[in-house]
């Protein structure tokens, strides 16, 4: 009888500890799976965007306005032909790849500053603009486009993923 009481006492002490550990492991597993899924959706969209050409114009001067171009519809990504068409996209195939996930895209012109940091074009003076043959005549021509894809969950699981790349118009 004493042994049975000891087993019950040990079990009563161990079960709450084991349940807490099990709960923690389950929560971490859900977060890890959510991060993997969000990364999958971010990488998929980034690859789709990078498969498009640099700009609507096939050579410089590049477009001064980023976003969908005339004749394109932000609600239908199938007709997008350049990377900045994905800005403010409303196509649900792009913005909602699966239940509980939202994706968004930001594209901006950037250039390297003197300390090799990527900065938006509006904050720098492009080198040699208009001062030599075959030079750029405006900052947007000599800059690159930085693409950011953000994926977040809409439920209470904190899983946000952001991917960034820079493409050039060469």
N, C-alpha and C. Protein backbone atom coordinates (compact mmCIF):
# COMPACT_ATOMS: atom_id res chain seq x y z
N UNK A 1 0.81 -1.19 0.00
CA UNK A 1 0.00 0.00 0.00
C UNK A 1 0.87 1.27 0.00
N UNK A 2 1.95 1.23 0.76
CA UNK A 2 2.86 2.39 0.81
C UNK A 2 3.46 2.64 -0.56
N UNK A 3 3.80 1.57 -1.27
CA UNK A 3 4.38 1.73 -2.61
C UNK A 3 3.40 2.39 -3.57
N UNK A 4 2.14 2.04 -3.47
CA UNK A 4 1.12 2.65 -4.31
C UNK A 4 0.99 4.14 -4.01
N UNK A 5 1.02 4.52 -2.76
CA UNK A 5 0.95 5.93 -2.37
C UNK A 5 2.17 6.68 -2.91
N UNK A 6 3.36 6.07 -2.83
CA UNK A 6 4.58 6.70 -3.35
C UNK A 6 4.47 6.90 -4.86
N UNK A 7 3.99 5.90 -5.59
CA UNK A 7 3.83 6.01 -7.04
C UNK A 7 2.86 7.13 -7.39
N UNK A 8 1.77 7.22 -6.66
CA UNK A 8 0.79 8.28 -6.91
C UNK A 8 1.39 9.66 -6.61
N UNK A 9 2.14 9.78 -5.53
CA UNK A 9 2.77 11.05 -5.17
C UNK A 9 3.79 11.46 -6.22
N UNK A 10 4.61 10.53 -6.68
CA UNK A 10 5.61 10.83 -7.71
C UNK A 10 4.92 11.20 -9.02
N UNK A 11 3.89 10.49 -9.38
CA UNK A 11 3.14 10.78 -10.60
C UNK A 11 2.48 12.15 -10.51
N UNK A 12 1.91 12.49 -9.37
CA UNK A 12 1.27 13.79 -9.19
C UNK A 12 2.27 14.92 -9.32
N UNK A 13 3.51 14.67 -8.95
CA UNK A 13 4.55 15.69 -9.07
C UNK A 13 5.08 15.76 -10.50
N UNK A 14 5.24 14.64 -11.15
CA UNK A 14 5.86 14.58 -12.47
C UNK A 14 4.92 14.99 -13.60
N UNK A 15 3.66 14.66 -13.50
CA UNK A 15 2.73 14.91 -14.60
C UNK A 15 2.63 16.40 -14.95
N UNK A 16 2.47 17.33 -14.01
CA UNK A 16 2.40 18.75 -14.39
C UNK A 16 3.68 19.23 -15.08
N UNK A 17 4.84 18.76 -14.61
CA UNK A 17 6.11 19.15 -15.24
C UNK A 17 6.16 18.62 -16.66
N UNK A 18 5.78 17.37 -16.86
CA UNK A 18 5.78 16.78 -18.19
C UNK A 18 4.78 17.48 -19.11
N UNK A 19 3.61 17.83 -18.59
CA UNK A 19 2.61 18.53 -19.41
C UNK A 19 3.11 19.91 -19.83
N UNK A 20 3.79 20.62 -18.93
CA UNK A 20 4.36 21.92 -19.27
C UNK A 20 5.41 21.78 -20.36
N UNK A 21 6.28 20.80 -20.22
CA UNK A 21 7.31 20.57 -21.23
C UNK A 21 6.66 20.20 -22.56
N UNK A 22 5.65 19.36 -22.53
CA UNK A 22 4.97 18.95 -23.74
C UNK A 22 4.31 20.16 -24.43
N UNK A 23 3.69 21.03 -23.64
CA UNK A 23 3.08 22.23 -24.18
C UNK A 23 4.12 23.13 -24.84
N UNK A 24 5.26 23.30 -24.20
CA UNK A 24 6.33 24.14 -24.75
C UNK A 24 6.85 23.55 -26.06
N UNK A 25 7.08 22.27 -26.09
CA UNK A 25 7.57 21.62 -27.30
C UNK A 25 6.54 21.74 -28.43
N UNK A 26 5.28 21.58 -28.12
CA UNK A 26 4.23 21.70 -29.12
C UNK A 26 4.19 23.12 -29.69
N UNK A 27 4.26 24.14 -28.81
CA UNK A 27 4.22 25.52 -29.26
C UNK A 27 5.43 25.84 -30.15
N UNK A 28 6.60 25.38 -29.76
CA UNK A 28 7.80 25.62 -30.57
C UNK A 28 7.70 24.90 -31.91
N UNK A 29 7.12 23.74 -31.92
CA UNK A 29 6.95 23.00 -33.16
C UNK A 29 6.01 23.74 -34.11
N UNK A 30 4.93 24.28 -33.57
CA UNK A 30 3.98 25.05 -34.39
C UNK A 30 4.66 26.29 -34.96
N UNK A 31 5.44 26.99 -34.14
CA UNK A 31 6.16 28.18 -34.63
C UNK A 31 7.16 27.80 -35.72
N UNK A 32 7.89 26.71 -35.52
CA UNK A 32 8.87 26.29 -36.51
C UNK A 32 8.20 25.92 -37.82
N UNK A 33 7.10 25.20 -37.74
CA UNK A 33 6.37 24.83 -38.95
C UNK A 33 5.82 26.08 -39.65
N UNK A 34 5.30 27.02 -38.86
CA UNK A 34 4.79 28.27 -39.44
C UNK A 34 5.88 29.07 -40.12
N UNK A 35 7.06 29.11 -39.52
CA UNK A 35 8.17 29.83 -40.13
C UNK A 35 8.60 29.15 -41.42
N UNK A 36 8.64 27.84 -41.43
CA UNK A 36 9.00 27.11 -42.65
C UNK A 36 7.99 27.37 -43.76
N UNK A 37 6.71 27.36 -43.43
CA UNK A 37 5.68 27.62 -44.43
C UNK A 37 5.77 29.06 -44.94
N UNK A 38 5.94 30.02 -44.03
CA UNK A 38 6.05 31.42 -44.43
C UNK A 38 7.26 31.63 -45.33
N UNK A 39 8.36 30.98 -45.01
CA UNK A 39 9.56 31.08 -45.83
C UNK A 39 9.31 30.49 -47.21
N UNK A 40 8.62 29.38 -47.27
CA UNK A 40 8.26 28.75 -48.55
C UNK A 40 7.44 29.72 -49.41
N UNK A 41 6.43 30.36 -48.80
CA UNK A 41 5.60 31.30 -49.56
C UNK A 41 6.38 32.54 -49.97
N UNK A 42 7.28 33.02 -49.13
CA UNK A 42 8.10 34.18 -49.48
C UNK A 42 9.06 33.85 -50.62
N UNK A 43 9.73 32.71 -50.53
CA UNK A 43 10.67 32.32 -51.58
C UNK A 43 9.96 32.10 -52.91
N UNK A 44 8.78 31.51 -52.87
CA UNK A 44 8.02 31.28 -54.10
C UNK A 44 7.68 32.58 -54.80
N UNK A 45 7.20 33.55 -54.04
CA UNK A 45 6.85 34.84 -54.64
C UNK A 45 8.10 35.57 -55.11
N UNK A 46 9.18 35.53 -54.34
CA UNK A 46 10.41 36.20 -54.75
C UNK A 46 10.92 35.62 -56.06
N UNK A 47 10.87 34.31 -56.21
CA UNK A 47 11.32 33.71 -57.47
C UNK A 47 10.43 34.12 -58.63
N UNK A 48 9.13 34.21 -58.38
CA UNK A 48 8.22 34.66 -59.44
C UNK A 48 8.55 36.08 -59.85
N UNK A 49 8.79 36.95 -58.88
CA UNK A 49 9.10 38.35 -59.18
C UNK A 49 10.42 38.44 -59.94
N UNK A 50 11.43 37.72 -59.47
CA UNK A 50 12.75 37.80 -60.12
C UNK A 50 12.73 37.22 -61.53
N UNK A 51 11.72 36.44 -61.88
CA UNK A 51 11.64 35.91 -63.24
C UNK A 51 11.16 36.97 -64.23
N UNK A 52 10.68 38.09 -63.73
CA UNK A 52 10.21 39.18 -64.59
C UNK A 52 11.38 40.09 -64.96
N UNK A 53 11.19 40.90 -66.00
CA UNK A 53 12.29 41.79 -66.38
C UNK A 53 12.40 42.96 -65.40
N UNK A 54 13.46 43.70 -65.50
CA UNK A 54 13.78 44.78 -64.56
C UNK A 54 12.72 45.88 -64.59
N UNK A 55 12.28 46.28 -65.76
CA UNK A 55 11.39 47.43 -65.87
C UNK A 55 10.47 47.27 -67.06
N UNK A 56 9.41 48.04 -67.07
CA UNK A 56 8.49 48.07 -68.20
C UNK A 56 9.24 48.49 -69.46
N UNK A 57 10.11 49.48 -69.31
CA UNK A 57 10.96 49.90 -70.42
C UNK A 57 12.10 48.89 -70.55
N UNK A 58 12.41 48.50 -71.75
CA UNK A 58 13.46 47.50 -71.94
C UNK A 58 14.86 48.08 -71.87
N UNK A 59 14.98 49.39 -71.87
CA UNK A 59 16.27 50.05 -71.66
C UNK A 59 16.01 51.38 -70.98
N UNK A 60 17.07 51.99 -70.44
CA UNK A 60 16.88 53.24 -69.73
C UNK A 60 16.48 54.32 -70.74
N UNK A 61 15.74 55.32 -70.33
CA UNK A 61 15.38 55.66 -68.96
C UNK A 61 14.31 54.71 -68.42
N UNK A 62 14.48 54.33 -67.16
CA UNK A 62 13.56 53.42 -66.51
C UNK A 62 12.31 54.17 -66.06
N UNK A 63 11.28 53.46 -65.72
CA UNK A 63 10.02 54.06 -65.26
C UNK A 63 10.26 54.90 -64.02
N UNK A 64 9.64 56.05 -63.96
CA UNK A 64 9.77 56.90 -62.78
C UNK A 64 8.74 56.54 -61.72
N UNK A 65 7.66 55.86 -62.12
CA UNK A 65 6.62 55.45 -61.19
C UNK A 65 6.64 53.92 -61.09
N UNK A 66 6.68 53.43 -59.85
CA UNK A 66 6.70 51.99 -59.63
C UNK A 66 5.28 51.50 -59.35
N UNK A 67 4.94 50.36 -59.91
CA UNK A 67 3.61 49.78 -59.74
C UNK A 67 3.10 49.27 -61.07
N UNK A 68 1.81 48.93 -61.10
CA UNK A 68 1.26 48.40 -62.35
C UNK A 68 1.30 49.48 -63.42
N UNK A 69 1.48 49.04 -64.64
CA UNK A 69 1.59 49.94 -65.78
C UNK A 69 0.27 49.98 -66.53
N UNK A 70 0.08 50.96 -67.41
CA UNK A 70 -1.16 51.01 -68.18
C UNK A 70 -1.41 49.69 -68.91
N UNK A 71 -2.63 49.23 -68.87
CA UNK A 71 -3.00 47.97 -69.50
C UNK A 71 -2.85 46.77 -68.57
N UNK A 72 -2.33 46.99 -67.37
CA UNK A 72 -2.20 45.91 -66.40
C UNK A 72 -3.20 46.13 -65.28
N UNK A 73 -3.52 45.06 -64.58
CA UNK A 73 -4.51 45.12 -63.53
C UNK A 73 -3.89 44.56 -62.26
N UNK A 74 -3.89 45.34 -61.17
CA UNK A 74 -3.26 44.88 -59.92
C UNK A 74 -3.96 43.65 -59.35
N UNK A 75 -5.16 43.36 -59.81
CA UNK A 75 -5.89 42.19 -59.35
C UNK A 75 -5.63 40.94 -60.16
N UNK A 76 -4.78 41.04 -61.19
CA UNK A 76 -4.48 39.89 -62.04
C UNK A 76 -2.98 39.86 -62.32
N UNK A 77 -2.23 39.13 -61.51
CA UNK A 77 -0.77 39.11 -61.62
C UNK A 77 -0.29 38.36 -62.86
N UNK A 78 -1.16 37.65 -63.54
CA UNK A 78 -0.72 36.91 -64.73
C UNK A 78 -0.23 37.83 -65.84
N UNK A 79 -0.66 39.10 -65.83
CA UNK A 79 -0.22 40.01 -66.88
C UNK A 79 0.95 40.89 -66.46
N UNK A 80 1.55 40.64 -65.30
CA UNK A 80 2.70 41.42 -64.85
C UNK A 80 3.92 41.03 -65.67
N UNK A 81 4.68 42.05 -66.11
CA UNK A 81 5.85 41.76 -66.92
C UNK A 81 7.16 42.32 -66.35
N UNK A 82 7.08 43.10 -65.27
CA UNK A 82 8.31 43.60 -64.66
C UNK A 82 8.19 43.56 -63.14
N UNK A 83 9.33 43.68 -62.46
CA UNK A 83 9.37 43.42 -61.02
C UNK A 83 8.53 44.39 -60.20
N UNK A 84 8.42 45.64 -60.63
CA UNK A 84 7.69 46.60 -59.79
C UNK A 84 6.18 46.52 -59.98
N UNK A 85 5.68 45.70 -60.89
CA UNK A 85 4.23 45.54 -61.04
C UNK A 85 3.60 44.93 -59.79
N UNK A 86 4.40 44.27 -58.96
CA UNK A 86 3.89 43.61 -57.76
C UNK A 86 3.63 44.57 -56.61
N UNK A 87 4.00 45.84 -56.76
CA UNK A 87 3.74 46.84 -55.72
C UNK A 87 2.23 47.06 -55.64
N UNK A 88 1.67 46.98 -54.45
CA UNK A 88 0.23 47.16 -54.20
C UNK A 88 -0.65 46.17 -54.96
N UNK A 89 -0.13 44.96 -55.19
CA UNK A 89 -0.91 43.93 -55.88
C UNK A 89 -2.12 43.56 -55.03
N UNK A 90 -3.24 43.29 -55.70
CA UNK A 90 -4.46 42.87 -54.99
C UNK A 90 -4.90 41.48 -55.40
N UNK A 91 -4.18 40.83 -56.30
CA UNK A 91 -4.48 39.47 -56.74
C UNK A 91 -4.38 38.53 -55.53
N UNK A 92 -5.48 37.87 -55.19
CA UNK A 92 -5.50 36.99 -54.02
C UNK A 92 -4.53 35.81 -54.13
N UNK A 93 -4.20 35.40 -55.35
CA UNK A 93 -3.21 34.34 -55.53
C UNK A 93 -1.83 34.79 -55.03
N UNK A 94 -1.59 36.08 -55.06
CA UNK A 94 -0.32 36.63 -54.59
C UNK A 94 -0.42 37.00 -53.12
N UNK A 95 -1.47 37.72 -52.74
CA UNK A 95 -1.56 38.26 -51.38
C UNK A 95 -1.95 37.23 -50.33
N UNK A 96 -2.67 36.18 -50.72
CA UNK A 96 -3.11 35.16 -49.75
C UNK A 96 -2.79 33.77 -50.30
N UNK A 97 -1.54 33.33 -50.13
CA UNK A 97 -1.15 32.04 -50.71
C UNK A 97 -1.80 30.83 -50.03
N UNK A 98 -2.25 31.00 -48.78
CA UNK A 98 -2.88 29.93 -48.02
C UNK A 98 -3.66 30.56 -46.88
N UNK A 99 -4.61 29.83 -46.29
CA UNK A 99 -5.32 30.38 -45.14
C UNK A 99 -4.33 30.78 -44.03
N UNK A 100 -4.58 31.90 -43.42
CA UNK A 100 -3.81 32.45 -42.31
C UNK A 100 -2.49 33.07 -42.74
N UNK A 101 -2.23 33.23 -44.04
CA UNK A 101 -0.99 33.87 -44.51
C UNK A 101 -1.32 35.04 -45.42
N UNK A 102 -0.59 36.14 -45.25
CA UNK A 102 -0.68 37.30 -46.13
C UNK A 102 0.70 37.63 -46.65
N UNK A 103 0.77 38.01 -47.93
CA UNK A 103 2.04 38.43 -48.52
C UNK A 103 1.90 39.84 -49.06
N UNK A 104 3.00 40.58 -48.99
CA UNK A 104 3.04 41.92 -49.59
C UNK A 104 4.41 42.12 -50.21
N UNK A 105 4.48 43.07 -51.15
CA UNK A 105 5.71 43.34 -51.88
C UNK A 105 5.98 44.84 -51.86
N UNK A 106 7.23 45.19 -51.65
CA UNK A 106 7.67 46.58 -51.75
C UNK A 106 8.86 46.61 -52.72
N UNK A 107 8.86 47.59 -53.60
CA UNK A 107 9.96 47.76 -54.56
C UNK A 107 10.34 49.23 -54.55
N UNK A 108 11.63 49.50 -54.51
CA UNK A 108 12.11 50.87 -54.56
C UNK A 108 13.45 50.93 -55.28
N UNK A 109 13.72 52.08 -55.88
CA UNK A 109 15.03 52.30 -56.47
C UNK A 109 16.04 52.52 -55.36
N UNK A 110 17.19 51.88 -55.46
CA UNK A 110 18.25 52.04 -54.45
C UNK A 110 19.60 52.13 -55.15
N UNK A 111 20.57 52.62 -54.41
CA UNK A 111 21.94 52.66 -54.89
C UNK A 111 22.87 52.48 -53.71
N UNK A 112 24.12 52.19 -53.99
CA UNK A 112 25.10 52.06 -52.92
C UNK A 112 25.67 53.43 -52.59
N UNK A 113 25.74 53.74 -51.31
CA UNK A 113 26.35 55.01 -50.92
C UNK A 113 27.85 54.80 -50.70
N UNK A 114 28.52 55.82 -50.21
CA UNK A 114 29.98 55.76 -50.06
C UNK A 114 30.44 54.74 -49.02
N UNK A 115 29.55 54.29 -48.14
CA UNK A 115 29.92 53.28 -47.14
C UNK A 115 29.37 51.90 -47.52
N UNK A 116 28.99 51.74 -48.78
CA UNK A 116 28.46 50.48 -49.31
C UNK A 116 27.19 50.00 -48.62
N UNK A 117 26.33 50.95 -48.30
CA UNK A 117 25.00 50.62 -47.78
C UNK A 117 23.98 50.91 -48.88
N UNK A 118 22.98 50.04 -49.00
CA UNK A 118 21.91 50.30 -49.97
C UNK A 118 21.00 51.37 -49.39
N UNK A 119 20.79 52.44 -50.15
CA UNK A 119 19.93 53.54 -49.71
C UNK A 119 18.96 53.88 -50.83
N UNK A 120 17.78 54.37 -50.48
CA UNK A 120 16.83 54.79 -51.53
C UNK A 120 17.46 55.87 -52.41
N UNK A 121 17.15 55.83 -53.68
CA UNK A 121 17.76 56.75 -54.64
C UNK A 121 17.54 58.22 -54.30
N UNK A 122 16.41 58.53 -53.74
CA UNK A 122 16.14 59.94 -53.46
C UNK A 122 17.06 60.55 -52.43
N UNK A 123 17.82 59.75 -51.69
CA UNK A 123 18.66 60.30 -50.64
C UNK A 123 20.12 60.44 -51.05
N UNK A 124 20.44 60.14 -52.29
CA UNK A 124 21.83 60.21 -52.73
C UNK A 124 21.93 60.96 -54.04
N UNK A 125 23.11 61.38 -54.35
CA UNK A 125 23.38 61.96 -55.66
C UNK A 125 24.11 60.90 -56.46
N UNK A 126 23.54 60.52 -57.57
CA UNK A 126 24.18 59.48 -58.38
C UNK A 126 25.46 60.02 -58.99
N UNK A 127 26.45 59.16 -59.06
CA UNK A 127 27.76 59.55 -59.57
C UNK A 127 27.71 59.69 -61.08
N UNK A 128 28.29 60.74 -61.60
CA UNK A 128 28.45 60.97 -63.04
C UNK A 128 27.15 61.14 -63.81
N UNK A 129 26.07 61.50 -63.15
CA UNK A 129 24.81 61.68 -63.86
C UNK A 129 24.97 62.76 -64.91
N UNK A 130 24.81 62.38 -66.17
CA UNK A 130 24.83 63.32 -67.27
C UNK A 130 26.17 63.97 -67.55
N UNK A 131 27.27 63.49 -66.99
CA UNK A 131 28.56 64.17 -67.19
C UNK A 131 29.49 63.44 -68.14
N UNK A 132 29.08 62.32 -68.67
CA UNK A 132 29.95 61.58 -69.58
C UNK A 132 29.10 60.90 -70.65
N UNK A 133 29.71 60.50 -71.76
CA UNK A 133 28.94 59.78 -72.78
C UNK A 133 28.39 58.48 -72.20
N UNK A 134 27.19 58.15 -72.56
CA UNK A 134 26.51 56.93 -72.12
C UNK A 134 26.25 56.88 -70.62
N UNK A 135 26.33 58.03 -69.94
CA UNK A 135 26.00 58.07 -68.52
C UNK A 135 24.49 58.20 -68.35
N UNK A 136 24.08 57.97 -67.13
CA UNK A 136 22.66 58.12 -66.79
C UNK A 136 22.29 59.60 -66.85
N UNK A 137 21.06 59.87 -67.21
CA UNK A 137 20.59 61.24 -67.20
C UNK A 137 19.72 61.53 -65.99
N UNK A 138 19.37 60.49 -65.24
CA UNK A 138 18.63 60.69 -64.00
C UNK A 138 19.01 59.58 -63.03
N UNK A 139 18.73 59.80 -61.75
CA UNK A 139 19.13 58.84 -60.73
C UNK A 139 18.49 57.48 -60.95
N UNK A 140 17.22 57.44 -61.36
CA UNK A 140 16.54 56.16 -61.52
C UNK A 140 17.19 55.28 -62.58
N UNK A 141 17.92 55.88 -63.50
CA UNK A 141 18.57 55.09 -64.53
C UNK A 141 19.78 54.35 -64.00
N UNK A 142 20.47 54.92 -63.04
CA UNK A 142 21.70 54.29 -62.58
C UNK A 142 21.52 53.54 -61.27
N UNK A 143 20.33 53.44 -60.80
CA UNK A 143 20.08 52.73 -59.55
C UNK A 143 19.60 51.32 -59.81
N UNK A 144 19.47 50.61 -58.75
CA UNK A 144 18.96 49.25 -58.76
C UNK A 144 17.57 49.25 -58.13
N UNK A 145 16.88 48.14 -58.24
CA UNK A 145 15.60 48.01 -57.56
C UNK A 145 15.77 47.00 -56.42
N UNK A 146 15.35 47.43 -55.23
CA UNK A 146 15.34 46.53 -54.07
C UNK A 146 13.92 45.99 -53.93
N UNK A 147 13.82 44.68 -53.86
CA UNK A 147 12.53 44.00 -53.76
C UNK A 147 12.46 43.38 -52.37
N UNK A 148 11.36 43.66 -51.67
CA UNK A 148 11.12 43.05 -50.36
C UNK A 148 9.80 42.30 -50.41
N UNK A 149 9.85 41.04 -50.03
CA UNK A 149 8.64 40.23 -49.92
C UNK A 149 8.44 39.94 -48.45
N UNK A 150 7.27 40.28 -47.94
CA UNK A 150 6.93 40.04 -46.53
C UNK A 150 5.78 39.05 -46.46
N UNK A 151 5.93 38.08 -45.58
CA UNK A 151 4.87 37.11 -45.33
C UNK A 151 4.59 37.11 -43.84
N UNK A 152 3.33 37.22 -43.50
CA UNK A 152 2.96 37.19 -42.08
C UNK A 152 1.71 36.35 -41.92
N UNK A 153 1.58 35.82 -40.70
CA UNK A 153 0.38 35.04 -40.38
C UNK A 153 -0.68 35.98 -39.82
N UNK A 154 -1.92 35.63 -40.08
CA UNK A 154 -3.02 36.46 -39.61
C UNK A 154 -3.61 35.95 -38.31
N UNK A 155 -3.11 34.80 -37.81
CA UNK A 155 -3.59 34.29 -36.53
C UNK A 155 -2.59 34.69 -35.43
N UNK A 156 -2.67 34.09 -34.31
CA UNK A 156 -1.84 34.50 -33.17
C UNK A 156 -0.46 33.86 -33.13
N UNK A 157 -0.09 33.15 -34.16
CA UNK A 157 1.23 32.52 -34.18
C UNK A 157 2.23 33.53 -34.76
N UNK A 158 3.21 33.97 -33.97
CA UNK A 158 4.14 35.02 -34.43
C UNK A 158 5.15 34.48 -35.44
N UNK A 159 4.77 34.50 -36.70
CA UNK A 159 5.62 33.98 -37.75
C UNK A 159 5.65 34.98 -38.89
N UNK A 160 6.61 35.87 -38.88
CA UNK A 160 6.78 36.84 -39.96
C UNK A 160 8.11 36.58 -40.64
N UNK A 161 8.08 36.57 -41.98
CA UNK A 161 9.30 36.34 -42.76
C UNK A 161 9.41 37.47 -43.77
N UNK A 162 10.62 37.99 -43.94
CA UNK A 162 10.88 39.04 -44.91
C UNK A 162 12.12 38.67 -45.71
N UNK A 163 12.00 38.67 -47.02
CA UNK A 163 13.13 38.41 -47.91
C UNK A 163 13.40 39.67 -48.72
N UNK A 164 14.67 39.96 -48.94
CA UNK A 164 15.06 41.15 -49.70
C UNK A 164 16.12 40.76 -50.71
N UNK A 165 16.00 41.31 -51.91
CA UNK A 165 17.02 41.14 -52.93
C UNK A 165 17.13 42.44 -53.72
N UNK A 166 18.22 42.57 -54.43
CA UNK A 166 18.45 43.74 -55.28
C UNK A 166 18.68 43.23 -56.70
N UNK A 167 17.99 43.85 -57.66
CA UNK A 167 18.16 43.49 -59.07
C UNK A 167 18.63 44.72 -59.83
N UNK A 168 19.33 44.46 -60.92
CA UNK A 168 19.87 45.55 -61.74
C UNK A 168 19.26 45.50 -63.13
N UNK A 169 19.29 46.63 -63.81
CA UNK A 169 18.73 46.73 -65.15
C UNK A 169 19.77 46.57 -66.23
N UNK A 170 20.77 45.76 -66.00
CA UNK A 170 21.83 45.58 -67.01
C UNK A 170 21.56 44.38 -67.85
